[in-house]
Amino acid sequence: MASSFRSPGAVLRAAFALLVSFIFIVQPAMAQSILRDAETEAVLHEMSEPLIRAAGLEPKNVTVVMVGDPSINAFVAGGQIVYMNSGTIMQADNANEVQGVIAHELGHITGGHIIRSSEGMKQATGITLLSLLAGLAAVAAGAGEAGMGIMMAGQQAALGKFLAFTRTQEVSADAAGVKYLGAAGISGKGSIAFFKRIQNLEYRLAIPQDDSYGRTHPLTSERLAVLEHQYEASPAWNKPTDPALEARFQRVKAKLRGFAWESAQTLREYPESNKTDAARYARAYAWHKSAYPDKATAEVDALLVKAPHDPYYLELKGQILLESGQPAAAIAPLREAVEGTRAQPLISALLGHALIATEDPKNFEEARSVLKAAVARDNDNPFAWYQLGVVYEREGDVPRAQLATAERYNLQNRPELALPNARQAMQGIKEGTPDWLRAQDIAMVSEAAMSKKKKR
């Protein structure tokens, strides 16, 4: 599409810039839009674990991260991390569709496609440089128009070479997805259904379907023609998804919609006449966002009647109570939620927040213990570090409050704020201790980051 409106050189430069941004900038740039939820992460892990094993990878080393974006997309950006837009989950009909997406992205990881993308750029750049030199030579010889034609043709050829390279990677990832789903005993019906959804979207957007040239991906119709045959040949083709897993996915999908959608849209999609667990879950979030804590609590209580010890229902009840100004009442359900999830770090951080919010010094020791355990298990949680800094400050341990603050700003990629806090922490903590060494590490990393920014 882009080549119809912009010069080949501009398209090539844009393609290279986009790829580079995905490889090097995506994690810091996305840090503020990553959505974290204990239940969603647990369900995504359960859905992906058999596929990760089928890919020959270790589940504990692979993470599926949810990005706060309503569009349908998933991608990898280096390492063993699959980034999935929240829109992919919200618009999927079932868990099997999302598993198809995960299988495809694992194909990019095992194929080393992010690392190998530099090969495609190198080939394309070589073509561009050669055409540039040839064109300049023609211009110098007095054939200006011919020289410009040579350069433009070279840029077009380079773009074509690069896009052909990426299309090859997509075909490879498709094939890997088929392999991993089959090896895991998971049907490919969801993958086919998801491709058809993408195809329908392309039709609505009037995206040409007759030529794959100029596209980073093969035509969806071409992919479907190949994949349908391969998936139908798999012994797992007619194997249904585990009903319990499907039910958990529908819960996660509903709560995500309740969180991300406007409340009016949620209530239209899940009217009060709908008494299913997923509908109540979505409405609870919608009412809570709309500042109707009584209605939100009523929906959660209805869920707890059926499942009184469900840790995620208890987590939501505690969150509603806490955020409606009742931190003391929130402690009991949050404590049970922490116990029921074996001290899940995100829920533990919420419990620590509730304990601090009571402003009762008797709760500070428990809050500190809970929050220290949370960051020990999940170091990448700025909210938990913030709460730990608060409780240290309340207890009068200013140096460790500064260290916790430095940790938070370091995670948020704000070295100009992490550095002074780390330095102040070092002045108040005994030299050579683990906390002092950690403050020193943050200070060094922050100094390096700030120096790099100045050079830019």
Protein backbone atom coordinates (compact mmCIF):
# COMPACT_ATOMS: atom_id res chain seq x y z
CA MET A 1 0.00 0.00 0.00
CA ALA A 2 2.67 2.50 1.05
CA SER A 3 4.59 2.23 -2.23
CA SER A 4 1.55 3.58 -4.06
CA PHE A 5 1.78 6.89 -2.23
CA ARG A 6 5.44 7.39 -1.38
CA SER A 7 8.72 7.07 -3.25
CA PRO A 8 10.49 3.67 -3.01
CA GLY A 9 13.35 5.33 -1.15
CA ALA A 10 10.99 6.78 1.44
CA VAL A 11 9.26 3.43 1.87
CA LEU A 12 12.57 1.61 2.27
CA ARG A 13 13.79 4.09 4.86
CA ALA A 14 10.48 3.85 6.71
CA ALA A 15 10.59 0.06 6.64
CA PHE A 16 14.11 0.02 8.04
CA ALA A 17 13.23 2.62 10.70
CA LEU A 18 10.18 0.63 11.79
CA LEU A 19 12.14 -2.60 12.05
CA VAL A 20 14.91 -0.94 14.03
CA SER A 21 12.37 0.62 16.38
CA PHE A 22 10.83 -2.79 17.03
CA ILE A 23 14.19 -4.33 17.77
CA PHE A 24 15.78 -1.67 19.92
CA ILE A 25 13.12 0.70 21.22
CA VAL A 26 10.02 -1.39 21.71
CA GLN A 27 10.55 -2.39 25.35
CA PRO A 28 11.27 1.08 26.82
CA ALA A 29 8.66 2.69 24.59
CA MET A 30 6.01 0.18 25.60
CA ALA A 31 6.82 0.15 29.29
CA GLN A 32 3.86 2.39 30.12
CA SER A 33 1.37 0.47 28.00
CA ILE A 34 2.06 -3.04 29.22
CA LEU A 35 -0.98 -4.41 31.04
CA ARG A 36 -0.40 -6.73 33.96
CA ASP A 37 -3.04 -8.86 35.64
CA ALA A 38 -2.39 -11.92 37.79
CA GLU A 39 -5.24 -14.02 36.40
CA THR A 40 -4.60 -13.11 32.77
CA GLU A 41 -0.91 -13.94 33.08
CA ALA A 42 -1.76 -17.29 34.69
CA VAL A 43 -4.21 -18.18 31.90
CA LEU A 44 -1.82 -17.12 29.13
CA HIS A 45 0.91 -19.22 30.74
CA GLU A 46 -1.39 -22.24 30.91
CA MET A 47 -2.45 -21.78 27.28
CA SER A 48 1.11 -21.38 26.01
CA GLU A 49 3.03 -23.92 28.12
CA PRO A 50 2.38 -27.00 25.91
CA LEU A 51 3.26 -24.97 22.82
CA ILE A 52 6.48 -23.71 24.38
CA ARG A 53 7.49 -27.26 25.23
CA ALA A 54 6.59 -28.41 21.71
CA ALA A 55 8.90 -25.69 20.39
CA GLY A 56 11.76 -27.13 22.44
CA LEU A 57 11.88 -24.15 24.78
CA GLU A 58 11.72 -23.97 28.57
CA PRO A 59 8.38 -22.50 29.80
CA LYS A 60 10.01 -20.61 32.66
CA ASN A 61 12.15 -18.71 30.13
CA VAL A 62 9.33 -17.67 27.77
CA THR A 63 6.85 -14.94 28.65
CA VAL A 64 3.65 -13.79 26.98
CA VAL A 65 3.29 -10.07 27.70
CA MET A 66 0.04 -8.19 27.14
CA VAL A 67 0.27 -4.75 25.54
CA GLY A 68 -2.50 -2.21 26.03
CA ASP A 69 -3.54 -1.83 22.40
CA PRO A 70 -7.06 -2.55 21.07
CA SER A 71 -5.84 -3.64 17.63
CA ILE A 72 -5.24 -7.26 16.60
CA ASN A 73 -1.51 -7.92 16.66
CA ALA A 74 1.24 -9.95 18.26
CA PHE A 75 4.99 -9.81 17.71
CA VAL A 76 8.40 -10.65 19.09
CA ALA A 77 11.14 -8.10 19.63
CA GLY A 78 14.16 -10.05 20.74
CA GLY A 79 14.62 -12.55 23.54
CA GLN A 80 11.97 -15.13 24.40
CA ILE A 81 9.04 -12.77 24.85
CA VAL A 82 5.80 -12.81 22.91
CA TYR A 83 4.06 -9.43 22.95
CA MET A 84 0.31 -9.68 22.43
CA ASN A 85 -2.04 -6.74 22.02
CA SER A 86 -4.99 -6.74 24.38
CA GLY A 87 -7.21 -6.41 21.29
CA THR A 88 -6.10 -9.87 20.17
CA ILE A 89 -7.55 -11.38 23.34
CA MET A 90 -10.65 -9.20 23.40
CA GLN A 91 -11.55 -9.98 19.78
CA ALA A 92 -10.74 -13.70 19.81
CA ASP A 93 -13.74 -16.00 19.99
CA ASN A 94 -11.98 -18.66 22.03
CA ALA A 95 -8.73 -19.77 23.62
CA ASN A 96 -7.76 -21.90 20.62
CA GLU A 97 -7.55 -18.82 18.41
CA VAL A 98 -5.07 -17.18 20.78
CA GLN A 99 -3.05 -20.40 20.97
CA GLY A 100 -2.69 -20.26 17.19
CA VAL A 101 -1.28 -16.74 17.46
CA ILE A 102 1.16 -17.81 20.19
CA ALA A 103 2.33 -20.81 18.15
CA HIS A 104 3.10 -18.54 15.18
CA GLU A 105 5.09 -16.09 17.32
CA LEU A 106 7.06 -18.94 18.88
CA GLY A 107 8.04 -19.81 15.32
CA HIS A 108 9.64 -16.37 15.04
CA ILE A 109 11.55 -16.97 18.29
CA THR A 110 12.87 -20.43 17.39
CA GLY A 111 13.69 -19.21 13.88
CA GLY A 112 15.81 -16.37 15.27
CA HIS A 113 13.97 -14.00 12.96
CA ILE A 114 14.67 -10.80 14.87
CA ILE A 115 18.41 -11.49 14.86
CA ARG A 116 18.37 -12.62 11.24
CA SER A 117 16.44 -9.54 10.13
CA SER A 118 19.79 -7.76 9.98
CA GLU A 119 20.66 -10.11 7.09
CA GLY A 120 17.69 -8.85 5.11
CA MET A 121 18.58 -5.24 5.85
CA LYS A 122 22.20 -5.86 4.88
CA GLN A 123 21.20 -7.35 1.52
CA ALA A 124 18.81 -4.50 0.79
CA THR A 125 21.32 -1.87 1.86
CA GLY A 126 23.92 -3.39 -0.45
CA ILE A 127 21.55 -3.08 -3.39
CA THR A 128 20.74 0.50 -2.46
CA LEU A 129 24.40 1.52 -2.19
CA LEU A 130 25.34 -0.07 -5.50
CA SER A 131 22.45 1.63 -7.30
CA LEU A 132 23.33 4.91 -5.62
CA LEU A 133 26.94 4.71 -6.84
CA ALA A 134 25.85 3.72 -10.34
CA GLY A 135 23.31 6.54 -10.43
CA LEU A 136 25.81 9.12 -9.22
CA ALA A 137 28.26 7.97 -11.89
CA ALA A 138 25.59 8.46 -14.55
CA VAL A 139 24.75 11.90 -13.20
CA ALA A 140 28.43 12.86 -13.23
CA ALA A 141 28.63 11.71 -16.84
CA GLY A 142 25.84 14.11 -17.75
CA ALA A 143 22.98 11.58 -17.82
CA GLY A 144 21.05 13.09 -14.92
CA GLU A 145 17.66 11.62 -15.73
CA ALA A 146 19.12 8.18 -16.34
CA GLY A 147 21.08 8.39 -13.10
CA MET A 148 17.99 9.22 -11.10
CA GLY A 149 16.22 6.34 -12.77
CA ILE A 150 19.01 3.96 -11.76
CA MET A 151 18.83 5.12 -8.13
CA MET A 152 15.05 4.85 -7.97
CA ALA A 153 15.10 1.39 -9.54
CA GLY A 154 17.77 0.31 -7.07
CA GLN A 155 15.74 1.54 -4.13
CA GLN A 156 12.67 -0.27 -5.42
CA ALA A 157 14.71 -3.45 -5.85
CA ALA A 158 16.10 -3.10 -2.32
CA LEU A 159 12.63 -2.66 -0.89
CA GLY A 160 11.43 -5.70 -2.81
CA LYS A 161 14.39 -7.73 -1.53
CA PHE A 162 13.72 -6.72 2.06
CA LEU A 163 9.96 -7.40 1.88
CA ALA A 164 10.59 -10.78 0.24
CA PHE A 165 12.88 -11.59 3.16
CA THR A 166 10.19 -10.76 5.73
CA ARG A 167 7.55 -12.74 3.80
CA THR A 168 9.85 -15.75 3.92
CA GLN A 169 10.10 -15.38 7.68
CA GLU A 170 6.31 -15.28 7.99
CA VAL A 171 5.93 -18.46 5.94
CA SER A 172 8.53 -20.10 8.17
CA ALA A 173 6.68 -19.00 11.32
CA ASP A 174 3.39 -20.31 9.88
CA ALA A 175 4.97 -23.72 9.30
CA ALA A 176 6.45 -23.75 12.79
CA GLY A 177 3.04 -22.87 14.26
CA VAL A 178 1.50 -25.89 12.50
CA LYS A 179 4.24 -28.10 13.89
CA TYR A 180 3.98 -26.84 17.47
CA LEU A 181 0.18 -27.03 17.64
CA GLY A 182 0.23 -30.56 16.29
CA ALA A 183 3.00 -31.69 18.64
CA ALA A 184 1.11 -30.23 21.59
CA GLY A 185 -2.10 -31.99 20.54
CA ILE A 186 -3.90 -28.70 19.97
CA SER A 187 -6.26 -28.10 17.05
CA GLY A 188 -5.43 -25.62 14.32
CA LYS A 189 -9.09 -24.65 13.86
CA GLY A 190 -8.58 -21.54 15.96
CA SER A 191 -5.60 -20.48 13.87
CA ILE A 192 -7.64 -20.81 10.66
CA ALA A 193 -10.55 -18.90 12.19
CA PHE A 194 -8.22 -16.10 13.25
CA PHE A 195 -6.68 -15.82 9.78
CA LYS A 196 -10.17 -15.58 8.32
CA ARG A 197 -10.96 -12.78 10.75
CA ILE A 198 -7.87 -10.92 9.56
CA GLN A 199 -8.90 -11.53 5.95
CA ASN A 200 -12.37 -10.09 6.59
CA LEU A 201 -10.75 -7.05 8.21
CA GLU A 202 -8.54 -6.57 5.16
CA TYR A 203 -11.61 -6.72 2.91
CA ARG A 204 -13.34 -4.06 5.00
CA LEU A 205 -10.26 -1.84 4.80
CA ALA A 206 -10.05 -2.40 1.01
CA ILE A 207 -6.53 -3.82 1.25
CA PRO A 208 -5.63 -5.34 -2.16
CA GLN A 209 -5.65 -9.14 -2.15
CA ASP A 210 -4.23 -9.84 -5.62
CA ASP A 211 -0.49 -9.30 -5.17
CA SER A 212 1.80 -9.85 -2.19
CA TYR A 213 4.55 -7.61 -3.62
CA GLY A 214 5.00 -4.58 -1.39
CA ARG A 215 3.75 -6.44 1.69
CA THR A 216 5.70 -7.66 4.72
CA HIS A 217 3.40 -10.72 4.96
CA PRO A 218 2.16 -13.12 2.27
CA LEU A 219 -1.45 -12.66 1.17
CA THR A 220 -3.81 -13.98 3.82
CA SER A 221 -5.63 -16.01 1.16
CA GLU A 222 -2.32 -17.67 0.21
CA ARG A 223 -1.58 -18.50 3.82
CA LEU A 224 -5.06 -19.91 4.37
CA ALA A 225 -4.81 -22.14 1.30
CA VAL A 226 -1.62 -23.72 2.65
CA LEU A 227 -2.51 -23.83 6.33
CA GLU A 228 -5.99 -25.31 6.00
CA HIS A 229 -4.57 -28.37 4.27
CA GLN A 230 -1.77 -28.77 6.82
CA TYR A 231 -3.98 -28.32 9.87
CA GLU A 232 -6.70 -30.65 8.60
CA ALA A 233 -4.07 -33.38 8.21
CA SER A 234 -3.16 -33.14 11.89
CA PRO A 235 -4.56 -35.78 14.30
CA ALA A 236 -5.44 -32.88 16.63
CA TRP A 237 -7.72 -31.15 14.08
CA ASN A 238 -10.97 -32.23 15.76
CA LYS A 239 -9.66 -32.19 19.32
CA PRO A 240 -11.71 -29.78 21.47
CA THR A 241 -10.20 -27.31 23.89
CA ASP A 242 -10.30 -28.30 27.56
CA PRO A 243 -13.64 -26.83 28.77
CA ALA A 244 -12.08 -25.63 32.03
CA LEU A 245 -9.35 -23.75 30.15
CA GLU A 246 -11.92 -22.27 27.78
CA ALA A 247 -14.01 -21.06 30.73
CA ARG A 248 -10.97 -19.39 32.28
CA PHE A 249 -10.16 -17.72 28.98
CA GLN A 250 -13.70 -16.36 28.66
CA ARG A 251 -13.40 -14.94 32.17
CA VAL A 252 -10.15 -13.20 31.31
CA LYS A 253 -11.58 -11.90 28.05
CA ALA A 254 -14.62 -10.47 29.87
CA LYS A 255 -12.64 -8.79 32.64
CA LEU A 256 -10.27 -7.29 30.06
CA ARG A 257 -13.21 -5.86 28.16
CA GLY A 258 -14.65 -4.50 31.39
CA PHE A 259 -11.31 -2.85 32.12
CA ALA A 260 -10.54 -1.52 28.63
CA TRP A 261 -13.92 -0.65 27.16
CA GLU A 262 -16.06 2.34 27.99
CA SER A 263 -18.50 1.27 30.68
CA ALA A 264 -21.52 1.88 28.43
CA GLN A 265 -20.11 -0.48 25.81
CA THR A 266 -19.46 -3.16 28.43
CA LEU A 267 -23.01 -2.92 29.76
CA ARG A 268 -24.41 -3.19 26.23
CA GLU A 269 -22.35 -6.27 25.50
CA TYR A 270 -23.02 -7.80 28.92
CA PRO A 271 -26.51 -6.59 29.98
CA GLU A 272 -27.76 -7.28 33.50
CA SER A 273 -30.04 -9.97 32.12
CA ASN A 274 -26.88 -11.99 31.39
CA LYS A 275 -26.11 -13.89 34.59
CA THR A 276 -23.07 -15.84 33.36
CA ASP A 277 -19.86 -15.63 35.35
CA ALA A 278 -18.06 -13.86 32.50
CA ALA A 279 -20.83 -11.24 32.22
CA ARG A 280 -20.83 -10.54 35.96
CA TYR A 281 -17.05 -10.23 35.88
CA ALA A 282 -17.17 -7.68 33.04
CA ARG A 283 -19.95 -5.67 34.71
CA ALA A 284 -18.08 -5.61 38.01
CA TYR A 285 -15.19 -3.83 36.32
CA ALA A 286 -17.53 -1.52 34.44
CA TRP A 287 -19.42 -0.49 37.60
CA HIS A 288 -16.16 -0.06 39.52
CA LYS A 289 -14.73 2.21 36.82
CA SER A 290 -17.95 4.23 36.81
CA ALA A 291 -17.71 4.82 40.59
CA TYR A 292 -20.59 2.55 41.55
CA PRO A 293 -18.84 0.45 44.21
CA ASP A 294 -22.08 -1.01 45.59
CA LYS A 295 -23.10 -2.36 42.18
CA ALA A 296 -19.57 -3.62 41.52
CA THR A 297 -19.46 -5.37 44.89
CA ALA A 298 -22.87 -6.94 44.29
CA GLU A 299 -21.62 -8.52 41.06
CA VAL A 300 -18.50 -9.88 42.76
CA ASP A 301 -20.48 -11.17 45.74
CA ALA A 302 -22.75 -13.06 43.33
CA LEU A 303 -19.65 -14.69 41.87
CA LEU A 304 -18.29 -15.51 45.33
CA VAL A 305 -21.54 -17.27 46.26
CA LYS A 306 -20.70 -19.84 43.59
CA ALA A 307 -16.94 -19.86 44.22
CA PRO A 308 -16.28 -18.43 47.70
CA HIS A 309 -12.54 -19.08 47.65
CA ASP A 310 -11.75 -18.07 44.07
CA PRO A 311 -8.59 -15.96 44.53
CA TYR A 312 -9.23 -13.69 41.55
CA TYR A 313 -12.79 -12.86 42.60
CA LEU A 314 -11.40 -12.11 46.06
CA GLU A 315 -8.68 -9.96 44.52
CA LEU A 316 -11.28 -7.91 42.66
CA LYS A 317 -13.43 -7.51 45.77
CA GLY A 318 -10.40 -6.33 47.72
CA GLN A 319 -9.48 -3.90 44.95
CA ILE A 320 -13.01 -2.43 44.86
CA LEU A 321 -13.03 -1.97 48.63
CA LEU A 322 -9.54 -0.48 48.68
CA GLU A 323 -10.18 1.97 45.85
CA SER A 324 -13.52 3.03 47.31
CA GLY A 325 -11.86 4.13 50.54
CA GLN A 326 -12.24 0.98 52.66
CA PRO A 327 -8.67 -0.37 52.98
CA ALA A 328 -9.29 -2.15 56.30
CA ALA A 329 -12.19 -4.11 54.77
CA ALA A 330 -10.04 -4.96 51.75
CA ILE A 331 -7.38 -6.75 53.79
CA ALA A 332 -9.26 -10.00 54.49
CA PRO A 333 -10.22 -10.83 50.88
CA LEU A 334 -6.77 -9.80 49.65
CA ARG A 335 -5.03 -11.95 52.27
CA GLU A 336 -7.08 -14.95 51.14
CA ALA A 337 -6.33 -14.15 47.50
CA VAL A 338 -2.59 -14.07 48.27
CA GLU A 339 -2.84 -17.42 50.05
CA GLY A 340 -4.91 -18.92 47.24
CA THR A 341 -2.35 -17.97 44.59
CA ARG A 342 0.70 -18.92 46.66
CA ALA A 343 1.72 -15.29 47.16
CA GLN A 344 1.26 -14.12 43.57
CA PRO A 345 3.40 -10.92 43.44
CA LEU A 346 0.84 -8.60 41.81
CA ILE A 347 -1.84 -9.53 44.34
CA SER A 348 0.69 -9.34 47.16
CA ALA A 349 1.52 -5.78 46.11
CA LEU A 350 -2.16 -4.89 46.30
CA LEU A 351 -2.38 -6.39 49.81
CA GLY A 352 0.68 -4.38 50.85
CA HIS A 353 -0.98 -1.24 49.53
CA ALA A 354 -4.14 -1.97 51.53
CA LEU A 355 -2.15 -2.54 54.72
CA ILE A 356 -0.32 0.77 54.29
CA ALA A 357 -3.51 2.63 53.36
CA THR A 358 -5.04 1.81 56.76
CA GLU A 359 -2.39 4.18 58.21
CA ASP A 360 -2.21 1.85 61.18
CA PRO A 361 1.44 1.36 62.23
CA LYS A 362 0.53 -2.13 63.44
CA ASN A 363 0.08 -3.15 59.78
CA PHE A 364 3.38 -1.76 58.52
CA GLU A 365 5.52 -4.77 59.46
CA GLU A 366 3.23 -7.13 57.55
CA ALA A 367 3.14 -4.72 54.62
CA ARG A 368 6.93 -4.59 54.47
CA SER A 369 7.19 -8.38 54.63
CA VAL A 370 4.56 -8.91 51.92
CA LEU A 371 6.07 -6.29 49.60
CA LYS A 372 9.65 -7.52 50.03
CA ALA A 373 8.49 -11.00 49.09
CA ALA A 374 6.60 -9.58 46.09
CA VAL A 375 9.61 -7.76 44.60
CA ALA A 376 11.85 -10.75 45.33
CA ARG A 377 9.62 -12.91 43.12
CA ASP A 378 8.81 -10.24 40.54
CA ASN A 379 11.39 -7.49 40.35
CA ASP A 380 9.70 -5.77 37.38
CA ASN A 381 6.82 -4.19 39.27
CA PRO A 382 7.16 -0.42 39.79
CA PHE A 383 3.95 -0.31 41.85
CA ALA A 384 5.32 -2.80 44.39
CA TRP A 385 8.57 -0.87 44.66
CA TYR A 386 6.62 2.35 45.19
CA GLN A 387 4.61 0.80 48.02
CA LEU A 388 7.74 -0.67 49.59
CA GLY A 389 9.31 2.79 49.52
CA VAL A 390 6.23 4.19 51.25
CA VAL A 391 6.33 1.67 54.08
CA TYR A 392 10.09 2.17 54.58
CA GLU A 393 9.48 5.93 54.79
CA ARG A 394 6.64 5.42 57.28
CA GLU A 395 8.95 3.30 59.44
CA GLY A 396 11.69 5.95 59.29
CA ASP A 397 14.11 3.92 57.12
CA VAL A 398 14.78 6.75 54.67
CA PRO A 399 17.83 5.20 52.90
CA ARG A 400 15.89 2.07 51.94
CA ALA A 401 12.91 4.18 50.93
CA GLN A 402 15.31 5.99 48.58
CA LEU A 403 16.63 2.66 47.29
CA ALA A 404 13.09 1.43 46.58
CA THR A 405 12.38 4.70 44.78
CA ALA A 406 15.54 4.28 42.73
CA GLU A 407 14.40 0.77 41.80
CA ARG A 408 11.04 2.14 40.64
CA TYR A 409 12.52 4.89 38.50
CA ASN A 410 15.07 2.47 37.06
CA LEU A 411 12.24 0.19 35.91
CA GLN A 412 10.43 3.17 34.41
CA ASN A 413 13.55 4.12 32.41
CA ARG A 414 13.94 7.44 34.20
CA PRO A 415 17.67 7.53 35.03
CA GLU A 416 17.63 11.24 35.87
CA LEU A 417 15.43 10.38 38.89
CA ALA A 418 16.90 6.96 39.68
CA LEU A 419 20.45 8.35 39.99
CA PRO A 420 19.97 10.89 42.82
CA ASN A 421 17.87 8.44 44.82
CA ALA A 422 20.48 5.69 44.41
CA ARG A 423 23.26 8.05 45.48
CA GLN A 424 21.32 9.20 48.55
CA ALA A 425 20.58 5.58 49.47
CA MET A 426 24.30 4.75 49.31
CA GLN A 427 25.05 7.50 51.81
CA GLY A 428 22.71 6.02 54.42
CA ILE A 429 23.27 2.26 53.90
CA LYS A 430 26.32 0.45 55.20
CA GLU A 431 28.92 0.14 52.48
CA GLY A 432 29.42 -3.34 51.05
CA THR A 433 26.03 -4.70 52.09
CA PRO A 434 23.70 -6.18 49.42
CA ASP A 435 21.44 -3.10 49.52
CA TRP A 436 24.43 -0.75 49.16
CA LEU A 437 25.76 -2.76 46.21
CA ARG A 438 22.34 -2.70 44.57
CA ALA A 439 22.16 1.09 44.96
CA GLN A 440 25.63 1.32 43.43
CA ASP A 441 24.51 -0.81 40.46
CA ILE A 442 21.50 1.43 39.83
CA ALA A 443 23.68 4.55 40.08
CA MET A 444 26.16 3.17 37.53
CA VAL A 445 23.44 2.08 35.11
CA SER A 446 21.69 5.44 35.44
CA GLU A 447 24.90 7.39 34.87
CA ALA A 448 25.58 5.38 31.72
CA ALA A 449 22.04 5.90 30.45
CA MET A 450 22.20 9.65 31.04
CA SER A 451 25.59 9.89 29.33
CA LYS A 452 24.18 8.03 26.33
CA LYS A 453 21.22 10.40 26.14
CA LYS A 454 23.54 13.43 26.20
CA LYS A 455 25.57 12.04 23.31
CA ARG A 456 22.40 11.65 21.27
